[in-house]
Amino acid sequence: MGARLVVDGHNVIFRSAKLAETYGRDAQGTRARFVRQLAEFGARKHYQVTVVFDSGKGGTGIRSSEDGGTVSILYARAGETADDLIAEILPGMRSGDPTFVASSDRGVQQIARSARAEVWTAEKLLEKIVGEAPKRRPADWHPVEHGLKGYTGEDD
C-alpha cells in the first residue's frame, strides 16, 4: 500500500514564508497550490497523503472533504480543530506501512507519537516538498491579520 503522510495543513502553510504571504489575499488558491505540492511529493515518494485543515468551507457544523486527486483533503467542522480530526483518523491508519505526521504543533506531535507515527516538523516537510528553508515569523506577526480566523498561531 505504501507509506502514509498526514499533514496539519494550516500549521504547515503558516510556517512557509511563500504560502503564508499569499494566504490572506487568496486562501483557497494558496491551499490549492499547497495541495498540488503535496500531490507531487506524494507521487515521487509513493505516499498516500492526507491533508487536514481547520474548519473550512465557512465553518459549517459538519466535516467536509474535497477531491484533491491523489491527496485526501479533510476539513474539521466548526468548533473542531484539525488536531482533533488528526487524533481521530490516525488510529485507523494502523498497518504495516509507515505513517508520518507533519506539524510543528506540539499537541499534534504528541498525538502522532502516541499513534506510533513518525513526526516531521512543518519545516522538514516544506524542505522536502519545495526545498524551502525554514522561515522566521516577525515578532508582531499574527495569523488573524493574515486571514485565518480562529487560528492562534500557538504551537501547543
N, C-alpha and C. Protein backbone atom coordinates (compact mmCIF):
# COMPACT_ATOMS: atom_id res chain seq x y z
N MET A 1 0.82 -1.19 0.00
CA MET A 1 0.00 0.00 0.00
C MET A 1 0.87 1.26 0.00
N GLY A 2 1.94 1.30 0.75
CA GLY A 2 2.82 2.46 0.77
C GLY A 2 2.68 3.28 2.03
N ALA A 3 3.65 4.14 2.25
CA ALA A 3 3.66 4.99 3.43
C ALA A 3 2.53 6.01 3.38
N ARG A 4 2.12 6.44 4.56
CA ARG A 4 1.07 7.46 4.68
C ARG A 4 1.68 8.74 5.25
N LEU A 5 1.21 9.85 4.75
CA LEU A 5 1.62 11.15 5.25
C LEU A 5 0.37 11.94 5.60
N VAL A 6 0.27 12.34 6.87
CA VAL A 6 -0.85 13.16 7.35
C VAL A 6 -0.27 14.54 7.64
N VAL A 7 -0.90 15.57 7.08
CA VAL A 7 -0.37 16.93 7.16
C VAL A 7 -1.36 17.84 7.88
N ASP A 8 -0.87 18.53 8.89
CA ASP A 8 -1.62 19.57 9.60
C ASP A 8 -1.56 20.82 8.71
N GLY A 9 -2.54 20.96 7.82
CA GLY A 9 -2.48 21.90 6.71
C GLY A 9 -2.16 23.34 7.05
N HIS A 10 -2.96 23.97 7.90
CA HIS A 10 -2.70 25.38 8.21
C HIS A 10 -1.41 25.55 8.98
N ASN A 11 -1.06 24.60 9.83
CA ASN A 11 0.19 24.69 10.57
C ASN A 11 1.37 24.78 9.60
N VAL A 12 1.35 23.94 8.58
CA VAL A 12 2.45 23.94 7.61
C VAL A 12 2.39 25.19 6.74
N ILE A 13 1.21 25.56 6.27
CA ILE A 13 1.09 26.76 5.43
C ILE A 13 1.68 27.98 6.14
N PHE A 14 1.34 28.14 7.42
CA PHE A 14 1.80 29.34 8.13
C PHE A 14 3.24 29.24 8.60
N ARG A 15 3.90 28.14 8.30
CA ARG A 15 5.35 28.02 8.53
C ARG A 15 6.13 28.29 7.25
N SER A 16 5.42 28.50 6.17
CA SER A 16 6.05 28.77 4.88
C SER A 16 5.95 30.25 4.57
N ALA A 17 7.07 30.89 4.34
CA ALA A 17 7.05 32.32 4.02
C ALA A 17 6.22 32.58 2.77
N LYS A 18 6.40 31.76 1.74
CA LYS A 18 5.70 31.97 0.48
C LYS A 18 4.20 31.74 0.60
N LEU A 19 3.82 30.65 1.24
CA LEU A 19 2.40 30.33 1.36
C LEU A 19 1.69 31.29 2.32
N ALA A 20 2.30 31.59 3.44
CA ALA A 20 1.67 32.48 4.42
C ALA A 20 1.46 33.87 3.83
N GLU A 21 2.39 34.30 2.99
CA GLU A 21 2.29 35.63 2.38
C GLU A 21 1.06 35.75 1.48
N THR A 22 0.72 34.69 0.77
CA THR A 22 -0.41 34.76 -0.17
C THR A 22 -1.74 34.35 0.46
N TYR A 23 -1.71 33.72 1.62
CA TYR A 23 -2.93 33.18 2.21
C TYR A 23 -3.99 34.25 2.46
N GLY A 24 -3.60 35.40 3.00
CA GLY A 24 -4.56 36.45 3.30
C GLY A 24 -5.27 37.00 2.07
N ARG A 25 -4.59 37.01 0.95
CA ARG A 25 -5.18 37.51 -0.30
C ARG A 25 -5.98 36.44 -1.03
N ASP A 26 -5.56 35.18 -0.90
CA ASP A 26 -6.19 34.11 -1.67
C ASP A 26 -6.04 32.78 -0.92
N ALA A 27 -6.85 32.62 0.11
CA ALA A 27 -6.75 31.42 0.94
C ALA A 27 -7.00 30.16 0.13
N GLN A 28 -8.06 30.17 -0.68
CA GLN A 28 -8.40 28.98 -1.46
C GLN A 28 -7.29 28.65 -2.46
N GLY A 29 -6.77 29.65 -3.14
CA GLY A 29 -5.69 29.43 -4.11
C GLY A 29 -4.42 28.94 -3.44
N THR A 30 -4.15 29.47 -2.25
CA THR A 30 -2.95 29.06 -1.52
C THR A 30 -3.08 27.60 -1.09
N ARG A 31 -4.26 27.24 -0.56
CA ARG A 31 -4.47 25.83 -0.18
C ARG A 31 -4.35 24.92 -1.40
N ALA A 32 -4.90 25.34 -2.53
CA ALA A 32 -4.83 24.53 -3.75
C ALA A 32 -3.38 24.34 -4.20
N ARG A 33 -2.60 25.40 -4.15
CA ARG A 33 -1.19 25.30 -4.54
C ARG A 33 -0.44 24.35 -3.60
N PHE A 34 -0.72 24.46 -2.30
CA PHE A 34 -0.10 23.58 -1.32
C PHE A 34 -0.48 22.12 -1.57
N VAL A 35 -1.75 21.87 -1.88
CA VAL A 35 -2.20 20.50 -2.16
C VAL A 35 -1.50 19.97 -3.40
N ARG A 36 -1.32 20.79 -4.43
CA ARG A 36 -0.58 20.34 -5.63
C ARG A 36 0.85 19.96 -5.26
N GLN A 37 1.49 20.76 -4.41
CA GLN A 37 2.86 20.44 -3.99
C GLN A 37 2.89 19.11 -3.23
N LEU A 38 1.89 18.89 -2.37
CA LEU A 38 1.81 17.63 -1.64
C LEU A 38 1.57 16.46 -2.60
N ALA A 39 0.74 16.67 -3.62
CA ALA A 39 0.46 15.61 -4.59
C ALA A 39 1.72 15.22 -5.35
N GLU A 40 2.48 16.21 -5.76
CA GLU A 40 3.73 15.93 -6.48
C GLU A 40 4.70 15.17 -5.59
N PHE A 41 4.82 15.60 -4.35
CA PHE A 41 5.71 14.94 -3.39
C PHE A 41 5.24 13.50 -3.15
N GLY A 42 3.92 13.33 -2.92
CA GLY A 42 3.37 12.00 -2.68
C GLY A 42 3.61 11.06 -3.85
N ALA A 43 3.48 11.57 -5.06
CA ALA A 43 3.70 10.75 -6.26
C ALA A 43 5.17 10.33 -6.36
N ARG A 44 6.08 11.27 -6.07
CA ARG A 44 7.51 10.95 -6.14
C ARG A 44 7.91 9.90 -5.11
N LYS A 45 7.34 10.00 -3.92
CA LYS A 45 7.72 9.11 -2.81
C LYS A 45 6.79 7.92 -2.62
N HIS A 46 5.72 7.86 -3.41
CA HIS A 46 4.71 6.80 -3.30
C HIS A 46 4.04 6.82 -1.93
N TYR A 47 3.68 8.01 -1.47
CA TYR A 47 2.98 8.20 -0.21
C TYR A 47 1.50 8.44 -0.47
N GLN A 48 0.66 7.92 0.41
CA GLN A 48 -0.75 8.29 0.44
C GLN A 48 -0.81 9.53 1.33
N VAL A 49 -1.25 10.65 0.78
CA VAL A 49 -1.22 11.92 1.51
C VAL A 49 -2.63 12.33 1.91
N THR A 50 -2.76 12.71 3.17
CA THR A 50 -4.00 13.29 3.70
C THR A 50 -3.64 14.61 4.33
N VAL A 51 -4.29 15.68 3.89
CA VAL A 51 -4.06 17.00 4.49
C VAL A 51 -5.34 17.39 5.23
N VAL A 52 -5.16 17.86 6.47
CA VAL A 52 -6.29 18.19 7.33
C VAL A 52 -6.23 19.68 7.64
N PHE A 53 -7.35 20.37 7.39
CA PHE A 53 -7.44 21.80 7.65
C PHE A 53 -8.45 22.08 8.76
N ASP A 54 -8.22 23.15 9.50
CA ASP A 54 -9.20 23.61 10.47
C ASP A 54 -10.46 24.01 9.72
N SER A 55 -11.58 24.16 10.47
CA SER A 55 -12.89 24.37 9.87
C SER A 55 -12.87 25.28 8.66
N GLY A 56 -13.03 24.65 7.55
CA GLY A 56 -13.08 25.36 6.28
C GLY A 56 -14.49 25.44 5.79
N LYS A 57 -14.63 25.82 4.58
CA LYS A 57 -15.94 25.88 3.94
C LYS A 57 -16.90 26.74 4.75
N GLY A 58 -16.40 27.84 5.31
CA GLY A 58 -17.27 28.75 6.05
C GLY A 58 -17.57 28.29 7.46
N GLY A 59 -16.84 27.31 7.95
CA GLY A 59 -17.03 26.87 9.33
C GLY A 59 -18.37 26.21 9.57
N THR A 60 -18.76 25.29 8.72
CA THR A 60 -20.04 24.61 8.86
C THR A 60 -20.02 23.67 10.06
N GLY A 61 -21.16 23.19 10.44
CA GLY A 61 -21.28 22.27 11.56
C GLY A 61 -20.95 20.84 11.19
N ILE A 62 -20.61 20.59 9.94
CA ILE A 62 -20.28 19.24 9.53
C ILE A 62 -18.87 19.21 8.95
N ARG A 63 -18.27 18.06 9.03
CA ARG A 63 -16.96 17.89 8.40
C ARG A 63 -17.16 17.86 6.90
N SER A 64 -16.12 18.25 6.20
CA SER A 64 -16.21 18.18 4.75
C SER A 64 -14.89 17.70 4.19
N SER A 65 -14.95 17.31 2.94
CA SER A 65 -13.75 16.86 2.26
C SER A 65 -13.83 17.30 0.81
N GLU A 66 -12.70 17.29 0.16
CA GLU A 66 -12.63 17.63 -1.26
C GLU A 66 -11.85 16.54 -1.96
N ASP A 67 -12.10 16.42 -3.24
CA ASP A 67 -11.32 15.52 -4.06
C ASP A 67 -10.09 16.28 -4.51
N GLY A 68 -8.96 15.95 -3.94
CA GLY A 68 -7.71 16.61 -4.30
C GLY A 68 -6.88 15.74 -5.22
N GLY A 69 -7.54 14.86 -5.97
CA GLY A 69 -6.80 13.96 -6.84
C GLY A 69 -6.13 12.89 -6.00
N THR A 70 -4.82 12.92 -5.94
CA THR A 70 -4.08 11.91 -5.19
C THR A 70 -3.93 12.27 -3.72
N VAL A 71 -4.46 13.42 -3.31
CA VAL A 71 -4.39 13.86 -1.92
C VAL A 71 -5.80 13.90 -1.35
N SER A 72 -5.99 13.27 -0.18
CA SER A 72 -7.26 13.38 0.52
C SER A 72 -7.25 14.68 1.31
N ILE A 73 -8.28 15.50 1.14
CA ILE A 73 -8.36 16.80 1.81
C ILE A 73 -9.54 16.75 2.77
N LEU A 74 -9.26 16.96 4.06
CA LEU A 74 -10.31 16.93 5.08
C LEU A 74 -10.36 18.28 5.78
N TYR A 75 -11.59 18.71 6.11
CA TYR A 75 -11.82 19.94 6.86
C TYR A 75 -12.54 19.59 8.15
N ALA A 76 -12.04 20.09 9.27
CA ALA A 76 -12.72 19.90 10.54
C ALA A 76 -14.02 20.70 10.52
N ARG A 77 -14.98 20.27 11.31
CA ARG A 77 -16.24 21.02 11.40
C ARG A 77 -16.05 22.21 12.35
N ALA A 78 -16.99 23.13 12.34
CA ALA A 78 -16.94 24.29 13.24
C ALA A 78 -16.85 23.79 14.68
N GLY A 79 -15.99 24.41 15.46
CA GLY A 79 -15.81 24.02 16.85
C GLY A 79 -14.84 22.88 17.03
N GLU A 80 -14.34 22.34 15.96
CA GLU A 80 -13.39 21.24 15.99
C GLU A 80 -12.11 21.74 15.31
N THR A 81 -10.98 21.26 15.76
CA THR A 81 -9.72 21.67 15.14
C THR A 81 -9.18 20.54 14.26
N ALA A 82 -8.24 20.91 13.42
CA ALA A 82 -7.54 19.90 12.63
C ALA A 82 -6.87 18.89 13.57
N ASP A 83 -6.38 19.38 14.71
CA ASP A 83 -5.76 18.50 15.70
C ASP A 83 -6.72 17.39 16.12
N ASP A 84 -7.97 17.78 16.41
CA ASP A 84 -8.99 16.80 16.82
C ASP A 84 -9.21 15.75 15.74
N LEU A 85 -9.30 16.23 14.51
CA LEU A 85 -9.55 15.31 13.39
C LEU A 85 -8.35 14.39 13.15
N ILE A 86 -7.15 14.92 13.27
CA ILE A 86 -5.95 14.10 13.13
C ILE A 86 -5.93 13.02 14.20
N ALA A 87 -6.26 13.40 15.44
CA ALA A 87 -6.29 12.43 16.54
C ALA A 87 -7.30 11.32 16.26
N GLU A 88 -8.38 11.65 15.59
CA GLU A 88 -9.41 10.66 15.28
C GLU A 88 -9.01 9.73 14.14
N ILE A 89 -8.35 10.26 13.11
CA ILE A 89 -8.06 9.42 11.95
C ILE A 89 -6.79 8.59 12.08
N LEU A 90 -5.84 9.03 12.88
CA LEU A 90 -4.56 8.30 12.97
C LEU A 90 -4.71 6.84 13.40
N PRO A 91 -5.47 6.54 14.44
CA PRO A 91 -5.57 5.13 14.83
C PRO A 91 -6.10 4.23 13.73
N GLY A 92 -6.95 4.74 12.85
CA GLY A 92 -7.50 3.95 11.75
C GLY A 92 -6.50 3.70 10.63
N MET A 93 -5.34 4.34 10.70
CA MET A 93 -4.33 4.18 9.65
C MET A 93 -3.29 3.13 10.03
N ARG A 94 -3.49 2.47 11.14
CA ARG A 94 -2.52 1.47 11.59
C ARG A 94 -2.42 0.35 10.57
N SER A 95 -1.22 0.05 10.18
CA SER A 95 -0.95 -1.07 9.28
C SER A 95 0.54 -1.33 9.34
N GLY A 96 1.01 -2.18 8.50
CA GLY A 96 2.43 -2.46 8.45
C GLY A 96 3.22 -1.35 7.76
N ASP A 97 2.51 -0.41 7.14
CA ASP A 97 3.17 0.66 6.41
C ASP A 97 3.48 1.83 7.35
N PRO A 98 4.59 2.51 7.13
CA PRO A 98 4.92 3.65 7.99
C PRO A 98 3.95 4.81 7.80
N THR A 99 3.70 5.53 8.90
CA THR A 99 2.87 6.72 8.87
C THR A 99 3.70 7.88 9.39
N PHE A 100 3.65 8.99 8.65
CA PHE A 100 4.35 10.21 9.01
C PHE A 100 3.30 11.29 9.26
N VAL A 101 3.54 12.13 10.26
CA VAL A 101 2.65 13.26 10.53
C VAL A 101 3.49 14.52 10.50
N ALA A 102 3.08 15.49 9.68
CA ALA A 102 3.82 16.74 9.54
C ALA A 102 3.08 17.87 10.24
N SER A 103 3.70 18.38 11.31
CA SER A 103 3.15 19.51 12.07
C SER A 103 4.22 20.01 13.02
N SER A 104 4.23 21.29 13.27
CA SER A 104 5.11 21.84 14.30
C SER A 104 4.34 22.10 15.59
N ASP A 105 3.08 21.72 15.61
CA ASP A 105 2.24 21.85 16.80
C ASP A 105 2.60 20.71 17.76
N ARG A 106 3.04 21.07 18.94
CA ARG A 106 3.48 20.03 19.90
C ARG A 106 2.35 19.07 20.28
N GLY A 107 1.12 19.57 20.32
CA GLY A 107 -0.01 18.69 20.62
C GLY A 107 -0.22 17.65 19.55
N VAL A 108 -0.14 18.06 18.30
CA VAL A 108 -0.28 17.11 17.18
C VAL A 108 0.89 16.14 17.17
N GLN A 109 2.07 16.63 17.47
CA GLN A 109 3.24 15.75 17.52
C GLN A 109 3.06 14.67 18.59
N GLN A 110 2.50 15.04 19.74
CA GLN A 110 2.26 14.05 20.80
C GLN A 110 1.21 13.04 20.37
N ILE A 111 0.16 13.51 19.71
CA ILE A 111 -0.87 12.60 19.18
C ILE A 111 -0.23 11.61 18.22
N ALA A 112 0.63 12.11 17.34
CA ALA A 112 1.29 11.26 16.35
C ALA A 112 2.17 10.21 17.03
N ARG A 113 2.95 10.65 17.99
CA ARG A 113 3.83 9.69 18.70
C ARG A 113 3.01 8.63 19.42
N SER A 114 1.88 9.04 20.00
CA SER A 114 1.01 8.07 20.69
C SER A 114 0.46 7.03 19.73
N ALA A 115 0.28 7.44 18.47
CA ALA A 115 -0.21 6.51 17.44
C ALA A 115 0.93 5.80 16.73
N ARG A 116 2.13 5.95 17.24
CA ARG A 116 3.34 5.32 16.69
C ARG A 116 3.65 5.78 15.27
N ALA A 117 3.34 7.05 15.00
CA ALA A 117 3.69 7.64 13.71
C ALA A 117 4.99 8.43 13.88
N GLU A 118 5.72 8.56 12.81
CA GLU A 118 6.94 9.36 12.84
C GLU A 118 6.55 10.83 12.64
N VAL A 119 7.16 11.71 13.42
CA VAL A 119 6.84 13.13 13.37
C VAL A 119 7.83 13.87 12.49
N TRP A 120 7.29 14.68 11.60
CA TRP A 120 8.09 15.65 10.85
C TRP A 120 7.61 17.03 11.25
N THR A 121 8.51 17.96 11.47
CA THR A 121 8.08 19.33 11.68
C THR A 121 7.57 19.89 10.36
N ALA A 122 6.82 20.97 10.45
CA ALA A 122 6.34 21.64 9.23
C ALA A 122 7.53 22.05 8.37
N GLU A 123 8.57 22.53 9.01
CA GLU A 123 9.75 22.97 8.28
C GLU A 123 10.42 21.82 7.54
N LYS A 124 10.45 20.65 8.15
CA LYS A 124 11.05 19.49 7.49
C LYS A 124 10.23 19.11 6.25
N LEU A 125 8.90 19.13 6.37
CA LEU A 125 8.07 18.82 5.21
C LEU A 125 8.28 19.85 4.10
N LEU A 126 8.29 21.13 4.46
CA LEU A 126 8.49 22.18 3.45
C LEU A 126 9.82 22.01 2.74
N GLU A 127 10.83 21.65 3.49
CA GLU A 127 12.14 21.42 2.88
C GLU A 127 12.09 20.25 1.89
N LYS A 128 11.34 19.22 2.26
CA LYS A 128 11.22 18.04 1.39
C LYS A 128 10.40 18.32 0.14
N ILE A 129 9.30 19.09 0.28
CA ILE A 129 8.41 19.25 -0.87
C ILE A 129 8.81 20.39 -1.80
N VAL A 130 9.39 21.44 -1.27
CA VAL A 130 9.73 22.58 -2.14
C VAL A 130 11.13 23.11 -1.92
N GLY A 131 11.91 22.46 -1.06
CA GLY A 131 13.27 22.92 -0.81
C GLY A 131 13.31 24.26 -0.11
N GLU A 132 12.22 24.60 0.61
CA GLU A 132 12.14 25.89 1.28
C GLU A 132 12.82 25.81 2.63
N ALA A 133 13.71 26.76 2.87
CA ALA A 133 14.37 26.85 4.17
C ALA A 133 13.35 27.32 5.20
N PRO A 134 13.52 26.93 6.46
CA PRO A 134 12.58 27.37 7.50
C PRO A 134 12.48 28.89 7.54
N LYS A 135 11.27 29.36 7.80
CA LYS A 135 11.07 30.81 7.90
C LYS A 135 10.96 31.22 9.35
N ARG A 136 11.26 32.44 9.60
CA ARG A 136 11.08 33.02 10.92
C ARG A 136 9.98 34.07 10.80
N ARG A 137 9.01 33.99 11.70
CA ARG A 137 7.94 34.98 11.70
C ARG A 137 8.42 36.24 12.43
N PRO A 138 7.98 37.41 11.96
CA PRO A 138 8.26 38.62 12.72
C PRO A 138 7.58 38.51 14.08
N ALA A 139 8.14 39.14 15.09
CA ALA A 139 7.60 39.05 16.44
C ALA A 139 6.15 39.53 16.52
N ASP A 140 5.76 40.49 15.68
CA ASP A 140 4.41 41.04 15.74
C ASP A 140 3.43 40.35 14.78
N TRP A 141 3.85 39.25 14.14
CA TRP A 141 3.00 38.55 13.19
C TRP A 141 1.85 37.88 13.91
N HIS A 142 0.66 37.97 13.34
CA HIS A 142 -0.49 37.26 13.91
C HIS A 142 -1.34 36.70 12.78
N PRO A 143 -1.74 35.43 12.88
CA PRO A 143 -2.45 34.78 11.79
C PRO A 143 -3.80 35.40 11.44
N VAL A 144 -4.50 35.98 12.42
CA VAL A 144 -5.79 36.58 12.12
C VAL A 144 -5.62 37.71 11.11
N GLU A 145 -4.54 38.46 11.26
CA GLU A 145 -4.26 39.54 10.32
C GLU A 145 -3.90 39.01 8.94
N HIS A 146 -3.57 37.74 8.87
CA HIS A 146 -3.23 37.12 7.59
C HIS A 146 -4.34 36.22 7.07
N GLY A 147 -5.55 36.39 7.63
CA GLY A 147 -6.72 35.75 7.04
C GLY A 147 -7.19 34.45 7.65
N LEU A 148 -6.62 34.01 8.75
CA LEU A 148 -7.08 32.75 9.33
C LEU A 148 -7.71 33.02 10.68
N LYS A 149 -9.00 33.18 10.69
CA LYS A 149 -9.73 33.45 11.93
C LYS A 149 -9.76 32.19 12.78
N GLY A 150 -9.58 32.35 14.07
CA GLY A 150 -9.63 31.23 14.98
C GLY A 150 -8.31 30.53 15.17
N TYR A 151 -7.34 30.83 14.33
CA TYR A 151 -6.02 30.22 14.45
C TYR A 151 -5.17 31.13 15.32
N THR A 152 -4.63 30.62 16.39
CA THR A 152 -3.90 31.46 17.33
C THR A 152 -2.44 31.58 16.98
N GLY A 153 -1.92 30.68 16.18
CA GLY A 153 -0.50 30.70 15.86
C GLY A 153 0.34 30.02 16.92
N GLU A 154 -0.30 29.56 17.99
CA GLU A 154 0.43 28.87 19.04
C GLU A 154 0.76 27.46 18.59
N ASP A 155 1.86 26.94 19.08
CA ASP A 155 2.29 25.62 18.70
C ASP A 155 1.93 24.55 19.70
N ASP A 156 1.13 24.89 20.67
CA ASP A 156 0.70 23.86 21.61
C ASP A 156 -0.68 24.13 22.11
